[in-house]
């Protein structure tokens, strides 16, 4: 399985005192949409389209997934509220296990995950340090432990290959690098 971990694009600022519901309704800005589309073109130049795009239900993540879908031509976008801002690692693991239950197997799939910092960077750290792995029943499990935490900028991409031996970070691209690749 290949995971494309993508942070949502630049969104409108939130009010200083906002509710969770208000935060979930923040859209991409016009500039965020343009930059995300250019970064997505760089992603598409480097990697085949994902089979499935998992996204939080926050508007900015859903809109980012829609931009990715338009560029990559991936029509299977699935919104998972458990991946909203504040999600825990068990929520990411549960989302993968639910997806595996729906699909039968994830082994041959490419899955894009569009969510938020700092959780996405923490998920990446736990994946590559094998704190999130498959058990003997091929279900994903999370073993709490200290790990490296990665800072993913808005519309950046981390590519993780997950095999029976564990997870390996294949690539990590800033949005600026992706936009430059798109111009080539």
Protein backbone atom coordinates (compact mmCIF):
# COMPACT_ATOMS: atom_id res chain seq x y z
CA UNK A 1 0.00 0.00 0.00
CA UNK A 2 1.11 3.50 -0.78
CA UNK A 3 -0.09 6.39 1.37
CA UNK A 4 -0.01 9.96 0.11
CA UNK A 5 -0.18 12.17 3.20
CA UNK A 6 -1.29 15.66 2.22
CA UNK A 7 -2.01 18.64 4.42
CA UNK A 8 -4.96 20.76 3.32
CA UNK A 9 -4.33 23.98 1.41
CA UNK A 10 -4.32 27.54 2.74
CA UNK A 11 -7.66 28.28 4.40
CA UNK A 12 -9.44 31.40 5.55
CA UNK A 13 -8.39 32.63 8.96
CA UNK A 14 -10.60 31.73 11.88
CA UNK A 15 -11.98 34.19 14.37
CA UNK A 16 -9.95 34.39 17.56
CA UNK A 17 -12.73 32.74 19.53
CA UNK A 18 -14.37 30.23 17.27
CA UNK A 19 -16.33 27.09 17.83
CA UNK A 20 -15.32 23.71 16.48
CA UNK A 21 -18.23 23.99 14.07
CA UNK A 22 -16.95 27.35 12.77
CA UNK A 23 -13.47 25.89 12.35
CA UNK A 24 -14.84 23.00 10.28
CA UNK A 25 -16.51 25.49 7.89
CA UNK A 26 -13.34 27.41 7.00
CA UNK A 27 -12.88 27.24 3.20
CA UNK A 28 -9.73 27.41 1.12
CA UNK A 29 -8.84 30.93 0.12
CA UNK A 30 -8.66 31.77 -3.59
CA UNK A 31 -4.87 31.84 -3.27
CA UNK A 32 -4.96 28.56 -1.32
CA UNK A 33 -7.02 26.92 -4.06
CA UNK A 34 -4.62 28.14 -6.80
CA UNK A 35 -1.49 27.06 -4.94
CA UNK A 36 -3.02 23.71 -4.03
CA UNK A 37 -3.94 23.08 -7.67
CA UNK A 38 -0.39 23.84 -8.79
CA UNK A 39 1.02 21.58 -6.05
CA UNK A 40 -1.44 18.86 -7.10
CA UNK A 41 -0.12 19.10 -10.67
CA UNK A 42 3.35 18.44 -9.28
CA UNK A 43 2.04 15.44 -7.33
CA UNK A 44 0.36 14.08 -10.47
CA UNK A 45 3.58 14.53 -12.46
CA UNK A 46 5.42 12.36 -9.92
CA UNK A 47 2.90 9.74 -8.81
CA UNK A 48 -0.06 7.78 -10.15
CA UNK A 49 -3.49 8.83 -8.96
CA UNK A 50 -4.71 7.49 -5.65
CA UNK A 51 -7.47 4.92 -5.75
CA UNK A 52 -9.18 6.57 -2.78
CA UNK A 53 -8.89 9.97 -1.12
CA UNK A 54 -9.69 10.00 2.60
CA UNK A 55 -10.33 13.43 4.02
CA UNK A 56 -11.50 14.95 7.25
CA UNK A 57 -14.94 16.54 7.06
CA UNK A 58 -13.48 20.04 7.52
CA UNK A 59 -14.40 22.13 4.48
CA UNK A 60 -10.77 23.09 3.76
CA UNK A 61 -9.77 19.41 3.63
CA UNK A 62 -12.76 18.42 1.51
CA UNK A 63 -11.99 21.26 -0.92
CA UNK A 64 -8.34 20.21 -1.05
CA UNK A 65 -9.46 16.64 -1.83
CA UNK A 66 -11.70 17.98 -4.61
CA UNK A 67 -8.78 19.90 -6.13
CA UNK A 68 -6.63 16.75 -5.97
CA UNK A 69 -9.45 14.72 -7.49
CA UNK A 70 -9.77 17.14 -10.38
CA UNK A 71 -6.07 16.99 -11.19
CA UNK A 72 -5.53 13.28 -10.53
CA UNK A 73 -8.96 12.19 -11.85
CA UNK A 74 -9.68 10.19 -8.69
CA UNK A 75 -13.43 10.13 -8.14
CA UNK A 76 -13.51 8.19 -4.84
CA UNK A 77 -13.41 10.81 -2.07
CA UNK A 78 -14.46 9.67 1.39
CA UNK A 79 -14.97 12.12 4.21
CA UNK A 80 -14.20 10.74 7.68
CA UNK A 81 -15.18 12.99 10.57
CA UNK A 82 -12.90 11.01 12.92
CA UNK A 83 -9.98 12.64 11.04
CA UNK A 84 -11.12 16.19 11.88
CA UNK A 85 -8.74 18.55 13.71
CA UNK A 86 -7.80 17.05 17.06
CA UNK A 87 -7.93 13.46 15.81
CA UNK A 88 -5.86 10.96 17.75
CA UNK A 89 -3.67 8.22 16.30
CA UNK A 90 -6.32 5.63 17.17
CA UNK A 91 -8.69 7.58 14.87
CA UNK A 92 -6.25 7.32 11.95
CA UNK A 93 -5.80 3.60 12.63
CA UNK A 94 -9.56 3.12 12.84
CA UNK A 95 -10.06 4.96 9.53
CA UNK A 96 -7.55 2.63 7.82
CA UNK A 97 -9.15 -0.46 9.37
CA UNK A 98 -12.63 0.71 8.32
CA UNK A 99 -11.34 1.29 4.80
CA UNK A 100 -9.77 -2.19 4.74
CA UNK A 101 -13.07 -3.68 5.88
CA UNK A 102 -14.87 -1.86 3.04
CA UNK A 103 -12.31 -2.72 0.37
CA UNK A 104 -11.26 -6.21 1.44
CA UNK A 105 -7.56 -5.42 1.11
CA UNK A 106 -5.48 -2.29 0.91
CA UNK A 107 -2.29 -4.01 -0.24
CA UNK A 108 -2.42 -2.88 -3.86
CA UNK A 109 -4.06 0.49 -3.27
CA UNK A 110 -2.79 4.03 -3.30
CA UNK A 111 -4.59 6.06 -0.66
CA UNK A 112 -4.37 9.83 -0.22
CA UNK A 113 -5.06 11.11 3.30
CA UNK A 114 -5.91 14.83 3.46
CA UNK A 115 -6.00 16.19 7.00
CA UNK A 116 -4.45 18.62 9.46
CA UNK A 117 -1.31 19.53 11.37
CA UNK A 118 -0.07 18.55 13.89
CA UNK A 119 -1.92 15.22 13.71
CA UNK A 120 -0.84 14.39 10.15
CA UNK A 121 2.83 14.94 11.01
CA UNK A 122 2.44 12.81 14.11
CA UNK A 123 0.74 10.06 12.05
CA UNK A 124 3.68 10.12 9.63
CA UNK A 125 6.16 9.83 12.51
CA UNK A 126 4.32 6.91 14.06
CA UNK A 127 4.04 5.16 10.69
CA UNK A 128 7.73 5.28 9.85
CA UNK A 129 8.80 4.35 13.37
CA UNK A 130 6.43 1.34 13.17
CA UNK A 131 4.32 2.47 16.10
CA UNK A 132 1.45 1.99 13.66
CA UNK A 133 1.75 -1.37 11.96
CA UNK A 134 -0.22 -4.43 10.97
CA UNK A 135 -0.81 -7.31 13.34
CA UNK A 136 -1.05 -11.01 12.45
CA UNK A 137 -4.67 -10.48 11.34
CA UNK A 138 -3.49 -7.69 9.00
CA UNK A 139 -5.35 -5.06 11.01
CA UNK A 140 -3.63 -1.79 11.77
CA UNK A 141 -2.69 -1.34 15.41
CA UNK A 142 -1.19 1.59 17.28
CA UNK A 143 1.43 1.16 19.97
CA UNK A 144 1.82 4.47 21.82
CA UNK A 145 5.46 5.52 21.92
CA UNK A 146 7.56 8.59 21.40
CA UNK A 147 8.20 9.42 17.77
CA UNK A 148 9.53 12.03 15.41
CA UNK A 149 6.91 14.61 14.45
CA UNK A 150 6.98 16.04 11.00
CA UNK A 151 5.87 19.51 10.00
CA UNK A 152 3.86 19.32 6.80
CA UNK A 153 3.28 22.69 5.21
CA UNK A 154 -0.06 23.41 3.58
CA UNK A 155 -0.46 21.40 0.35
CA UNK A 156 2.72 19.41 0.97
CA UNK A 157 3.12 15.70 0.27
CA UNK A 158 4.70 12.80 2.13
CA UNK A 159 4.70 9.39 0.42
CA UNK A 160 4.84 6.29 2.61
CA UNK A 161 5.12 2.73 1.37
CA UNK A 162 3.63 0.23 3.76
CA UNK A 163 4.63 -3.43 3.46
CA UNK A 164 4.70 -6.43 5.78
CA UNK A 165 8.15 -5.31 6.93
CA UNK A 166 6.82 -1.92 8.04
CA UNK A 167 6.52 1.58 6.69
CA UNK A 168 9.14 3.49 4.75
CA UNK A 169 9.14 7.18 3.90
CA UNK A 170 9.59 7.25 0.14
CA UNK A 171 9.45 11.01 -0.41
CA UNK A 172 8.67 14.32 1.27
CA UNK A 173 7.87 17.37 -0.86
CA UNK A 174 7.20 20.95 0.16
CA UNK A 175 4.41 22.73 -1.72
CA UNK A 176 6.97 25.04 -3.35
CA UNK A 177 8.90 22.08 -4.75
CA UNK A 178 5.68 20.52 -6.03
CA UNK A 179 4.69 23.78 -7.74
CA UNK A 180 8.14 23.99 -9.40
CA UNK A 181 7.79 20.38 -10.62
CA UNK A 182 4.40 21.28 -12.10
CA UNK A 183 6.07 24.00 -14.22
CA UNK A 184 8.57 21.57 -15.78
